[in-house]
Amino acid sequence: MSRLTTLTSNRRVFMMQVAGAATAVMAASEASAQAMVDEKDPQAAGLGYAADASKIDKSKAPKFAAGSNCGNCALYQGKAGAASGGCPLFAGKQVSAKAWCTAWAKKA
């Protein structure tokens, strides 16, 4: 009888550890998904990414059109009105809705 109790106890402990580990993994992946794109990141620099489109120098970004930003780009995956969201060009990172890059395409 004590062997059965030990097995049941070990199984419960194991299941609690699995649940705890799964929660920790999900929290870690959620936290990493929240990282913002850095303008100094090589990919961001290559695409002329600017975290604030209102500060873009038109002479350095001739493709920039006033009023264009990530929030109204076809690639932007954030919800309407959200401060940031995903972009397939920067996998696993968030872009500011106020940002802009040379890949900007008008949302249909």
PDB file of N, CA and C in Angstrom:
ATOM      1  N   MET A   1       0.811  -1.181   0.000  1.00  0.00           N
ATOM      2  CA  MET A   1       0.000   0.000   0.000  1.00  0.00           C
ATOM      3  C   MET A   1       0.865   1.260   0.000  1.00  0.00           C
ATOM      4  N   SER A   2       1.984   1.254   0.719  1.00  0.00           N
ATOM      5  CA  SER A   2       2.836   2.445   0.762  1.00  0.00           C
ATOM      6  C   SER A   2       3.504   2.693  -0.586  1.00  0.00           C
ATOM      7  N   ARG A   3       3.762   1.618  -1.343  1.00  0.00           N
ATOM      8  CA  ARG A   3       4.357   1.775  -2.676  1.00  0.00           C
ATOM      9  C   ARG A   3       3.378   2.487  -3.610  1.00  0.00           C
ATOM     10  N   LEU A   4       2.093   2.160  -3.528  1.00  0.00           N
ATOM     11  CA  LEU A   4       1.058   2.799  -4.336  1.00  0.00           C
ATOM     12  C   LEU A   4       0.933   4.273  -3.970  1.00  0.00           C
ATOM     13  N   THR A   5       1.006   4.571  -2.717  1.00  0.00           N
ATOM     14  CA  THR A   5       0.938   5.959  -2.258  1.00  0.00           C
ATOM     15  C   THR A   5       2.139   6.746  -2.773  1.00  0.00           C
ATOM     16  N   THR A   6       3.303   6.147  -2.755  1.00  0.00           N
ATOM     17  CA  THR A   6       4.509   6.796  -3.247  1.00  0.00           C
ATOM     18  C   THR A   6       4.404   7.065  -4.742  1.00  0.00           C
ATOM     19  N   LEU A   7       3.918   6.093  -5.505  1.00  0.00           N
ATOM     20  CA  LEU A   7       3.746   6.274  -6.942  1.00  0.00           C
ATOM     21  C   LEU A   7       2.763   7.398  -7.244  1.00  0.00           C
ATOM     22  N   THR A   8       1.652   7.430  -6.543  1.00  0.00           N
ATOM     23  CA  THR A   8       0.644   8.469  -6.750  1.00  0.00           C
ATOM     24  C   THR A   8       1.229   9.839  -6.412  1.00  0.00           C
ATOM     25  N   SER A   9       1.954   9.899  -5.329  1.00  0.00           N
ATOM     26  CA  SER A   9       2.572  11.163  -4.907  1.00  0.00           C
ATOM     27  C   SER A   9       3.594  11.635  -5.934  1.00  0.00           C
ATOM     28  N   ASN A  10       4.436  10.714  -6.426  1.00  0.00           N
ATOM     29  CA  ASN A  10       5.436  11.076  -7.435  1.00  0.00           C
ATOM     30  C   ASN A  10       4.770  11.547  -8.728  1.00  0.00           C
ATOM     31  N   ARG A  11       3.689  10.915  -9.097  1.00  0.00           N
ATOM     32  CA  ARG A  11       2.970  11.292 -10.313  1.00  0.00           C
ATOM     33  C   ARG A  11       2.403  12.716 -10.163  1.00  0.00           C
ATOM     34  N   ARG A  12       1.846  13.021  -9.012  1.00  0.00           N
ATOM     35  CA  ARG A  12       1.302  14.363  -8.767  1.00  0.00           C
ATOM     36  C   ARG A  12       2.409  15.411  -8.820  1.00  0.00           C
ATOM     37  N   VAL A  13       3.502  15.122  -8.217  1.00  0.00           N
ATOM     38  CA  VAL A  13       4.631  16.052  -8.225  1.00  0.00           C
ATOM     39  C   VAL A  13       5.115  16.262  -9.655  1.00  0.00           C
ATOM     40  N   PHE A  14       5.228  15.174 -10.407  1.00  0.00           N
ATOM     41  CA  PHE A  14       5.664  15.264 -11.796  1.00  0.00           C
ATOM     42  C   PHE A  14       4.693  16.118 -12.617  1.00  0.00           C
ATOM     43  N   MET A  15       3.397  15.893 -12.477  1.00  0.00           N
ATOM     44  CA  MET A  15       2.399  16.648 -13.233  1.00  0.00           C
ATOM     45  C   MET A  15       2.442  18.135 -12.860  1.00  0.00           C
ATOM     46  N   MET A  16       2.663  18.430 -11.605  1.00  0.00           N
ATOM     47  CA  MET A  16       2.762  19.834 -11.190  1.00  0.00           C
ATOM     48  C   MET A  16       4.021  20.477 -11.779  1.00  0.00           C
ATOM     49  N   GLN A  17       5.100  19.734 -11.838  1.00  0.00           N
ATOM     50  CA  GLN A  17       6.332  20.252 -12.427  1.00  0.00           C
ATOM     51  C   GLN A  17       6.167  20.485 -13.918  1.00  0.00           C
ATOM     52  N   VAL A  18       5.482  19.582 -14.611  1.00  0.00           N
ATOM     53  CA  VAL A  18       5.236  19.744 -16.042  1.00  0.00           C
ATOM     54  C   VAL A  18       4.380  20.985 -16.282  1.00  0.00           C
ATOM     55  N   ALA A  19       3.348  21.154 -15.494  1.00  0.00           N
ATOM     56  CA  ALA A  19       2.471  22.326 -15.641  1.00  0.00           C
ATOM     57  C   ALA A  19       3.248  23.612 -15.377  1.00  0.00           C
ATOM     58  N   GLY A  20       4.074  23.598 -14.356  1.00  0.00           N
ATOM     59  CA  GLY A  20       4.888  24.778 -14.043  1.00  0.00           C
ATOM     60  C   GLY A  20       5.887  25.093 -15.139  1.00  0.00           C
ATOM     61  N   ALA A  21       6.510  24.064 -15.680  1.00  0.00           N
ATOM     62  CA  ALA A  21       7.483  24.267 -16.759  1.00  0.00           C
ATOM     63  C   ALA A  21       6.796  24.799 -18.016  1.00  0.00           C
ATOM     64  N   ALA A  22       5.627  24.274 -18.335  1.00  0.00           N
ATOM     65  CA  ALA A  22       4.892  24.739 -19.510  1.00  0.00           C
ATOM     66  C   ALA A  22       4.515  26.210 -19.362  1.00  0.00           C
ATOM     67  N   THR A  23       4.099  26.594 -18.179  1.00  0.00           N
ATOM     68  CA  THR A  23       3.755  27.992 -17.919  1.00  0.00           C
ATOM     69  C   THR A  23       4.980  28.877 -18.073  1.00  0.00           C
ATOM     70  N   ALA A  24       6.114  28.438 -17.562  1.00  0.00           N
ATOM     71  CA  ALA A  24       7.342  29.215 -17.674  1.00  0.00           C
ATOM     72  C   ALA A  24       7.776  29.383 -19.124  1.00  0.00           C
ATOM     73  N   VAL A  25       7.657  28.323 -19.916  1.00  0.00           N
ATOM     74  CA  VAL A  25       8.023  28.392 -21.339  1.00  0.00           C
ATOM     75  C   VAL A  25       7.109  29.363 -22.072  1.00  0.00           C
ATOM     76  N   MET A  26       5.820  29.294 -21.799  1.00  0.00           N
ATOM     77  CA  MET A  26       4.879  30.200 -22.448  1.00  0.00           C
ATOM     78  C   MET A  26       5.149  31.647 -22.057  1.00  0.00           C
ATOM     79  N   ALA A  27       5.461  31.890 -20.807  1.00  0.00           N
ATOM     80  CA  ALA A  27       5.762  33.248 -20.350  1.00  0.00           C
ATOM     81  C   ALA A  27       7.041  33.769 -21.007  1.00  0.00           C
ATOM     82  N   ALA A  28       8.039  32.917 -21.137  1.00  0.00           N
ATOM     83  CA  ALA A  28       9.294  33.329 -21.764  1.00  0.00           C
ATOM     84  C   ALA A  28       9.097  33.644 -23.232  1.00  0.00           C
ATOM     85  N   SER A  29       8.316  32.824 -23.941  1.00  0.00           N
ATOM     86  CA  SER A  29       8.078  33.087 -25.360  1.00  0.00           C
ATOM     87  C   SER A  29       7.245  34.347 -25.541  1.00  0.00           C
ATOM     88  N   GLU A  30       6.321  34.600 -24.638  1.00  0.00           N
ATOM     89  CA  GLU A  30       5.509  35.813 -24.684  1.00  0.00           C
ATOM     90  C   GLU A  30       6.385  37.036 -24.451  1.00  0.00           C
ATOM     91  N   ALA A  31       7.312  36.944 -23.517  1.00  0.00           N
ATOM     92  CA  ALA A  31       8.200  38.067 -23.229  1.00  0.00           C
ATOM     93  C   ALA A  31       9.125  38.350 -24.401  1.00  0.00           C
ATOM     94  N   SER A  32       9.627  37.310 -25.039  1.00  0.00           N
ATOM     95  CA  SER A  32      10.520  37.527 -26.165  1.00  0.00           C
ATOM     96  C   SER A  32       9.773  38.081 -27.362  1.00  0.00           C
ATOM     97  N   ALA A  33       8.507  37.754 -27.492  1.00  0.00           N
ATOM     98  CA  ALA A  33       7.700  38.272 -28.595  1.00  0.00           C
ATOM     99  C   ALA A  33       7.438  39.763 -28.420  1.00  0.00           C
ATOM    100  N   GLN A  34       7.595  40.259 -27.228  1.00  0.00           N
ATOM    101  CA  GLN A  34       7.319  41.654 -26.943  1.00  0.00           C
ATOM    102  C   GLN A  34       8.514  42.569 -27.196  1.00  0.00           C
ATOM    103  N   ALA A  35       9.659  42.026 -27.511  1.00  0.00           N
ATOM    104  CA  ALA A  35      10.842  42.848 -27.757  1.00  0.00           C
ATOM    105  C   ALA A  35      10.592  43.778 -28.946  1.00  0.00           C
ATOM    106  N   MET A  36      10.974  45.032 -28.795  1.00  0.00           N
ATOM    107  CA  MET A  36      10.793  46.021 -29.858  1.00  0.00           C
ATOM    108  C   MET A  36      12.001  45.999 -30.796  1.00  0.00           C
ATOM    109  N   VAL A  37      11.751  46.318 -32.045  1.00  0.00           N
ATOM    110  CA  VAL A  37      12.822  46.409 -33.035  1.00  0.00           C
ATOM    111  C   VAL A  37      13.704  47.602 -32.675  1.00  0.00           C
ATOM    112  N   ASP A  38      15.010  47.403 -32.737  1.00  0.00           N
ATOM    113  CA  ASP A  38      15.981  48.463 -32.477  1.00  0.00           C
ATOM    114  C   ASP A  38      16.428  49.043 -33.810  1.00  0.00           C
ATOM    115  N   GLU A  39      16.459  50.362 -33.908  1.00  0.00           N
ATOM    116  CA  GLU A  39      16.882  51.018 -35.150  1.00  0.00           C
ATOM    117  C   GLU A  39      18.291  50.631 -35.559  1.00  0.00           C
ATOM    118  N   LYS A  40      19.114  50.218 -34.588  1.00  0.00           N
ATOM    119  CA  LYS A  40      20.512  49.865 -34.866  1.00  0.00           C
ATOM    120  C   LYS A  40      20.667  48.405 -35.300  1.00  0.00           C
ATOM    121  N   ASP A  41      19.601  47.636 -35.218  1.00  0.00           N
ATOM    122  CA  ASP A  41      19.628  46.249 -35.672  1.00  0.00           C
ATOM    123  C   ASP A  41      19.982  46.242 -37.159  1.00  0.00           C
ATOM    124  N   PRO A  42      20.889  45.359 -37.601  1.00  0.00           N
ATOM    125  CA  PRO A  42      21.307  45.362 -39.008  1.00  0.00           C
ATOM    126  C   PRO A  42      20.148  45.272 -40.008  1.00  0.00           C
ATOM    127  N   GLN A  43      19.166  44.428 -39.719  1.00  0.00           N
ATOM    128  CA  GLN A  43      18.026  44.304 -40.627  1.00  0.00           C
ATOM    129  C   GLN A  43      17.209  45.594 -40.640  1.00  0.00           C
ATOM    130  N   ALA A  44      16.997  46.181 -39.473  1.00  0.00           N
ATOM    131  CA  ALA A  44      16.237  47.430 -39.387  1.00  0.00           C
ATOM    132  C   ALA A  44      16.966  48.555 -40.117  1.00  0.00           C
ATOM    133  N   ALA A  45      18.271  48.627 -39.922  1.00  0.00           N
ATOM    134  CA  ALA A  45      19.067  49.661 -40.597  1.00  0.00           C
ATOM    135  C   ALA A  45      19.014  49.478 -42.107  1.00  0.00           C
ATOM    136  N   GLY A  46      19.053  48.240 -42.560  1.00  0.00           N
ATOM    137  CA  GLY A  46      18.999  47.956 -43.990  1.00  0.00           C
ATOM    138  C   GLY A  46      17.674  48.366 -44.625  1.00  0.00           C
ATOM    139  N   LEU A  47      16.617  48.342 -43.822  1.00  0.00           N
ATOM    140  CA  LEU A  47      15.295  48.732 -44.315  1.00  0.00           C
ATOM    141  C   LEU A  47      14.968  50.193 -43.992  1.00  0.00           C
ATOM    142  N   GLY A  48      15.936  50.911 -43.448  1.00  0.00           N
ATOM    143  CA  GLY A  48      15.713  52.319 -43.123  1.00  0.00           C
ATOM    144  C   GLY A  48      14.664  52.507 -42.038  1.00  0.00           C
ATOM    145  N   TYR A  49      14.552  51.550 -41.118  1.00  0.00           N
ATOM    146  CA  TYR A  49      13.563  51.602 -40.046  1.00  0.00           C
ATOM    147  C   TYR A  49      13.804  52.787 -39.130  1.00  0.00           C
ATOM    148  N   ALA A  50      12.740  53.529 -38.869  1.00  0.00           N
ATOM    149  CA  ALA A  50      12.779  54.634 -37.914  1.00  0.00           C
ATOM    150  C   ALA A  50      11.629  54.426 -36.941  1.00  0.00           C
ATOM    151  N   ALA A  51      11.916  54.447 -35.654  1.00  0.00           N
ATOM    152  CA  ALA A  51      10.900  54.190 -34.637  1.00  0.00           C
ATOM    153  C   ALA A  51       9.826  55.270 -34.597  1.00  0.00           C
ATOM    154  N   ASP A  52      10.131  56.464 -35.093  1.00  0.00           N
ATOM    155  CA  ASP A  52       9.159  57.556 -35.127  1.00  0.00           C
ATOM    156  C   ASP A  52       9.182  58.199 -36.515  1.00  0.00           C
ATOM    157  N   ALA A  53       8.153  57.931 -37.294  1.00  0.00           N
ATOM    158  CA  ALA A  53       8.093  58.415 -38.675  1.00  0.00           C
ATOM    159  C   ALA A  53       8.083  59.937 -38.759  1.00  0.00           C
ATOM    160  N   SER A  54       7.628  60.605 -37.710  1.00  0.00           N
ATOM    161  CA  SER A  54       7.576  62.069 -37.751  1.00  0.00           C
ATOM    162  C   SER A  54       8.969  62.698 -37.714  1.00  0.00           C
ATOM    163  N   LYS A  55       9.973  61.906 -37.368  1.00  0.00           N
ATOM    164  CA  LYS A  55      11.347  62.423 -37.278  1.00  0.00           C
ATOM    165  C   LYS A  55      12.214  62.006 -38.463  1.00  0.00           C
ATOM    166  N   ILE A  56      11.613  61.469 -39.510  1.00  0.00           N
ATOM    167  CA  ILE A  56      12.378  61.009 -40.674  1.00  0.00           C
ATOM    168  C   ILE A  56      12.851  62.204 -41.496  1.00  0.00           C
ATOM    169  N   ASP A  57      14.119  62.140 -41.874  1.00  0.00           N
ATOM    170  CA  ASP A  57      14.714  63.161 -42.742  1.00  0.00           C
ATOM    171  C   ASP A  57      14.401  62.752 -44.180  1.00  0.00           C
ATOM    172  N   LYS A  58      13.559  63.521 -44.855  1.00  0.00           N
ATOM    173  CA  LYS A  58      13.116  63.208 -46.220  1.00  0.00           C
ATOM    174  C   LYS A  58      14.300  63.069 -47.183  1.00  0.00           C
ATOM    175  N   SER A  59      15.393  63.791 -46.936  1.00  0.00           N
ATOM    176  CA  SER A  59      16.552  63.690 -47.829  1.00  0.00           C
ATOM    177  C   SER A  59      17.252  62.336 -47.693  1.00  0.00           C
ATOM    178  N   LYS A  60      17.136  61.696 -46.525  1.00  0.00           N
ATOM    179  CA  LYS A  60      17.761  60.385 -46.307  1.00  0.00           C
ATOM    180  C   LYS A  60      16.801  59.239 -46.636  1.00  0.00           C
ATOM    181  N   ALA A  61      15.513  59.539 -46.735  1.00  0.00           N
ATOM    182  CA  ALA A  61      14.501  58.516 -47.035  1.00  0.00           C
ATOM    183  C   ALA A  61      13.567  59.056 -48.112  1.00  0.00           C
ATOM    184  N   PRO A  62      14.024  59.058 -49.366  1.00  0.00           N
ATOM    185  CA  PRO A  62      13.221  59.635 -50.445  1.00  0.00           C
ATOM    186  C   PRO A  62      11.885  58.924 -50.689  1.00  0.00           C
ATOM    187  N   LYS A  63      11.749  57.657 -50.264  1.00  0.00           N
ATOM    188  CA  LYS A  63      10.501  56.919 -50.446  1.00  0.00           C
ATOM    189  C   LYS A  63       9.432  57.315 -49.425  1.00  0.00           C
ATOM    190  N   PHE A  64       9.844  58.029 -48.390  1.00  0.00           N
ATOM    191  CA  PHE A  64       8.908  58.383 -47.323  1.00  0.00           C
ATOM    192  C   PHE A  64       7.859  59.376 -47.814  1.00  0.00           C
ATOM    193  N   ALA A  65       6.604  59.103 -47.487  1.00  0.00           N
ATOM    194  CA  ALA A  65       5.501  60.011 -47.792  1.00  0.00           C
ATOM    195  C   ALA A  65       4.863  60.427 -46.473  1.00  0.00           C
ATOM    196  N   ALA A  66       4.578  61.690 -46.326  1.00  0.00           N
ATOM    197  CA  ALA A  66       3.978  62.197 -45.096  1.00  0.00           C
ATOM    198  C   ALA A  66       2.714  61.393 -44.769  1.00  0.00           C
ATOM    199  N   GLY A  67       2.571  61.022 -43.514  1.00  0.00           N
ATOM    200  CA  GLY A  67       1.408  60.254 -43.065  1.00  0.00           C
ATOM    201  C   GLY A  67       1.585  58.751 -43.118  1.00  0.00           C
ATOM    202  N   SER A  68       2.640  58.271 -43.776  1.00  0.00           N
ATOM    203  CA  SER A  68       2.855  56.820 -43.820  1.00  0.00           C
ATOM    204  C   SER A  68       3.581  56.380 -42.553  1.00  0.00           C
ATOM    205  N   ASN A  69       3.126  55.273 -41.980  1.00  0.00           N
ATOM    206  CA  ASN A  69       3.760  54.695 -40.795  1.00  0.00           C
ATOM    207  C   ASN A  69       3.340  53.232 -40.692  1.00  0.00           C
ATOM    208  N   CYS A  70       3.926  52.515 -39.778  1.00  0.00           N
ATOM    209  CA  CYS A  70       3.638  51.083 -39.649  1.00  0.00           C
ATOM    210  C   CYS A  70       2.156  50.824 -39.365  1.00  0.00           C
ATOM    211  N   GLY A  71       1.515  51.710 -38.640  1.00  0.00           N
ATOM    212  CA  GLY A  71       0.104  51.535 -38.304  1.00  0.00           C
ATOM    213  C   GLY A  71      -0.800  51.476 -39.525  1.00  0.00           C
ATOM    214  N   ASN A  72      -0.386  52.091 -40.637  1.00  0.00           N
ATOM    215  CA  ASN A  72      -1.218  52.038 -41.848  1.00  0.00           C
ATOM    216  C   ASN A  72      -0.515  51.298 -42.994  1.00  0.00           C
ATOM    217  N   CYS A  73       0.389  50.406 -42.633  1.00  0.00           N
ATOM    218  CA  CYS A  73       1.114  49.581 -43.610  1.00  0.00           C
ATOM    219  C   CYS A  73       0.409  48.231 -43.774  1.00  0.00           C
ATOM    220  N   ALA A  74       0.435  47.697 -44.975  1.00  0.00           N
ATOM    221  CA  ALA A  74      -0.181  46.403 -45.259  1.00  0.00           C
ATOM    222  C   ALA A  74       0.503  45.258 -44.507  1.00  0.00           C
ATOM    223  N   LEU A  75       1.757  45.423 -44.142  1.00  0.00           N
ATOM    224  CA  LEU A  75       2.500  44.372 -43.446  1.00  0.00           C
ATOM    225  C   LEU A  75       2.259  44.361 -41.937  1.00  0.00           C
ATOM    226  N   TYR A  76       1.760  45.456 -41.393  1.00  0.00           N
ATOM    227  CA  TYR A  76       1.574  45.604 -39.940  1.00  0.00           C
ATOM    228  C   TYR A  76       0.523  44.619 -39.445  1.00  0.00           C
ATOM    229  N   GLN A  77       0.849  43.886 -38.378  1.00  0.00           N
ATOM    230  CA  GLN A  77      -0.040  42.859 -37.856  1.00  0.00           C
ATOM    231  C   GLN A  77      -0.666  43.220 -36.519  1.00  0.00           C
ATOM    232  N   GLY A  78      -0.447  44.433 -36.060  1.00  0.00           N
ATOM    233  CA  GLY A  78      -1.041  44.866 -34.801  1.00  0.00           C
ATOM    234  C   GLY A  78      -2.505  45.207 -34.977  1.00  0.00           C
ATOM    235  N   LYS A  79      -3.221  45.250 -33.875  1.00  0.00           N
ATOM    236  CA  LYS A  79      -4.630  45.617 -33.914  1.00  0.00           C
ATOM    237  C   LYS A  79      -4.757  47.109 -34.176  1.00  0.00           C
ATOM    238  N   ALA A  80      -5.854  47.511 -34.782  1.00  0.00           N
ATOM    239  CA  ALA A  80      -6.097  48.923 -35.058  1.00  0.00           C
ATOM    240  C   ALA A  80      -6.065  49.707 -33.749  1.00  0.00           C
ATOM    241  N   GLY A  81      -5.303  50.772 -33.733  1.00  0.00           N
ATOM    242  CA  GLY A  81      -5.187  51.609 -32.539  1.00  0.00           C
ATOM    243  C   GLY A  81      -4.138  51.146 -31.534  1.00  0.00           C
ATOM    244  N   ALA A  82      -3.519  49.990 -31.766  1.00  0.00           N
ATOM    245  CA  ALA A  82      -2.486  49.480 -30.850  1.00  0.00           C
ATOM    246  C   ALA A  82      -1.208  50.287 -31.012  1.00  0.00           C
ATOM    247  N   ALA A  83      -0.451  50.439 -29.936  1.00  0.00           N
ATOM    248  CA  ALA A  83       0.803  51.196 -29.964  1.00  0.00           C
ATOM    249  C   ALA A  83       1.900  50.436 -30.701  1.00  0.00           C
ATOM    250  N   SER A  84       1.809  49.119 -30.732  1.00  0.00           N
ATOM    251  CA  SER A  84       2.809  48.313 -31.433  1.00  0.00           C
ATOM    252  C   SER A  84       2.174  47.017 -31.907  1.00  0.00           C
ATOM    253  N   GLY A  85       2.879  46.340 -32.809  1.00  0.00           N
ATOM    254  CA  GLY A  85       2.383  45.075 -33.334  1.00  0.00           C
ATOM    255  C   GLY A  85       3.476  44.356 -34.085  1.00  0.00           C
ATOM    256  N   GLY A  86       3.149  43.206 -34.568  1.00  0.00           N
ATOM    257  CA  GLY A  86       4.121  42.395 -35.288  1.00  0.00           C
ATOM    258  C   GLY A  86       4.285  42.831 -36.734  1.00  0.00           C
ATOM    259  N   CYS A  87       5.387  42.407 -37.324  1.00  0.00           N
ATOM    260  CA  CYS A  87       5.667  42.651 -38.729  1.00  0.00           C
ATOM    261  C   CYS A  87       6.462  41.452 -39.238  1.00  0.00           C
ATOM    262  N   PRO A  88       6.059  40.873 -40.367  1.00  0.00           N
ATOM    263  CA  PRO A  88       6.776  39.698 -40.867  1.00  0.00           C
ATOM    264  C   PRO A  88       8.236  39.979 -41.226  1.00  0.00           C
ATOM    265  N   LEU A  89       8.589  41.222 -41.434  1.00  0.00           N
ATOM    266  CA  LEU A  89       9.981  41.557 -41.751  1.00  0.00           C
ATOM    267  C   LEU A  89      10.883  41.465 -40.526  1.00  0.00           C
ATOM    268  N   PHE A  90      10.298  41.585 -39.342  1.00  0.00           N
ATOM    269  CA  PHE A  90      11.050  41.540 -38.086  1.00  0.00           C
ATOM    270  C   PHE A  90      10.449  40.454 -37.200  1.00  0.00           C
ATOM    271  N   ALA A  91      10.596  39.214 -37.605  1.00  0.00           N
ATOM    272  CA  ALA A  91       9.996  38.082 -36.898  1.00  0.00           C
ATOM    273  C   ALA A  91      10.362  38.055 -35.422  1.00  0.00           C
ATOM    274  N   GLY A  92       9.349  37.858 -34.586  1.00  0.00           N
ATOM    275  CA  GLY A  92       9.565  37.749 -33.148  1.00  0.00           C
ATOM    276  C   GLY A  92       9.761  39.080 -32.448  1.00  0.00           C
ATOM    277  N   LYS A  93       9.612  40.181 -33.160  1.00  0.00           N
ATOM    278  CA  LYS A  93       9.777  41.501 -32.547  1.00  0.00           C
ATOM    279  C   LYS A  93       8.576  42.367 -32.893  1.00  0.00           C
ATOM    280  N   GLN A  94       8.384  43.376 -32.092  1.00  0.00           N
ATOM    281  CA  GLN A  94       7.295  44.313 -32.281  1.00  0.00           C
ATOM    282  C   GLN A  94       7.821  45.585 -32.930  1.00  0.00           C
ATOM    283  N   VAL A  95       6.993  46.203 -33.772  1.00  0.00           N
ATOM    284  CA  VAL A  95       7.318  47.504 -34.343  1.00  0.00           C
ATOM    285  C   VAL A  95       6.322  48.515 -33.791  1.00  0.00           C
ATOM    286  N   SER A  96       6.753  49.719 -33.624  1.00  0.00           N
ATOM    287  CA  SER A  96       5.870  50.781 -33.167  1.00  0.00           C
ATOM    288  C   SER A  96       4.904  51.136 -34.290  1.00  0.00           C
ATOM    289  N   ALA A  97       3.663  51.414 -33.952  1.00  0.00           N
ATOM    290  CA  ALA A  97       2.686  51.818 -34.970  1.00  0.00           C
ATOM    291  C   ALA A  97       3.092  53.144 -35.598  1.00  0.00           C
ATOM    292  N   LYS A  98       3.913  53.929 -34.898  1.00  0.00           N
ATOM    293  CA  LYS A  98       4.371  55.230 -35.391  1.00  0.00           C
ATOM    294  C   LYS A  98       5.653  55.122 -36.213  1.00  0.00           C
ATOM    295  N   ALA A  99       6.194  53.924 -36.333  1.00  0.00           N
ATOM    296  CA  ALA A  99       7.458  53.719 -37.041  1.00  0.00           C
ATOM    297  C   ALA A  99       7.241  53.696 -38.559  1.00  0.00           C
ATOM    298  N   TRP A 100       8.344  53.582 -39.297  1.00  0.00           N
ATOM    299  CA  TRP A 100       8.301  53.507 -40.761  1.00  0.00           C
ATOM    300  C   TRP A 100       9.564  52.825 -41.253  1.00  0.00           C
ATOM    301  N   CYS A 101       9.455  52.129 -42.397  1.00  0.00           N
ATOM    302  CA  CYS A 101      10.627  51.582 -43.077  1.00  0.00           C
ATOM    303  C   CYS A 101      10.378  51.611 -44.573  1.00  0.00           C
ATOM    304  N   THR A 102      11.399  51.322 -45.352  1.00  0.00           N
ATOM    305  CA  THR A 102      11.307  51.409 -46.810  1.00  0.00           C
ATOM    306  C   THR A 102      10.383  50.354 -47.420  1.00  0.00           C
ATOM    307  N   ALA A 103       9.991  49.355 -46.656  1.00  0.00           N
ATOM    308  CA  ALA A 103       9.087  48.321 -47.154  1.00  0.00           C
ATOM    309  C   ALA A 103       7.611  48.726 -46.985  1.00  0.00           C
ATOM    310  N   TRP A 104       7.365  49.924 -46.512  1.00  0.00           N
ATOM    311  CA  TRP A 104       5.998  50.382 -46.276  1.00  0.00           C
ATOM    312  C   TRP A 104       5.156  50.235 -47.542  1.00  0.00           C
ATOM    313  N   ALA A 105       3.965  49.670 -47.384  1.00  0.00           N
ATOM    314  CA  ALA A 105       3.004  49.521 -48.486  1.00  0.00           C
ATOM    315  C   ALA A 105       1.630  49.903 -47.962  1.00  0.00           C
ATOM    316  N   LYS A 106       0.911  50.704 -48.708  1.00  0.00           N
ATOM    317  CA  LYS A 106      -0.386  51.188 -48.267  1.00  0.00           C
ATOM    318  C   LYS A 106      -1.342  50.032 -47.987  1.00  0.00           C
ATOM    319  N   LYS A 107      -1.986  50.109 -46.847  1.00  0.00           N
ATOM    320  CA  LYS A 107      -2.958  49.095 -46.457  1.00  0.00           C
ATOM    321  C   LYS A 107      -4.210  49.256 -47.315  1.00  0.00           C
ATOM    322  N   ALA A 108      -4.699  48.153 -47.818  1.00  0.00           N
ATOM    323  CA  ALA A 108      -5.865  48.211 -48.711  1.00  0.00           C
ATOM    324  C   ALA A 108      -7.141  48.500 -47.967  1.00  0.00           C
TER     325      ALA A 108
END
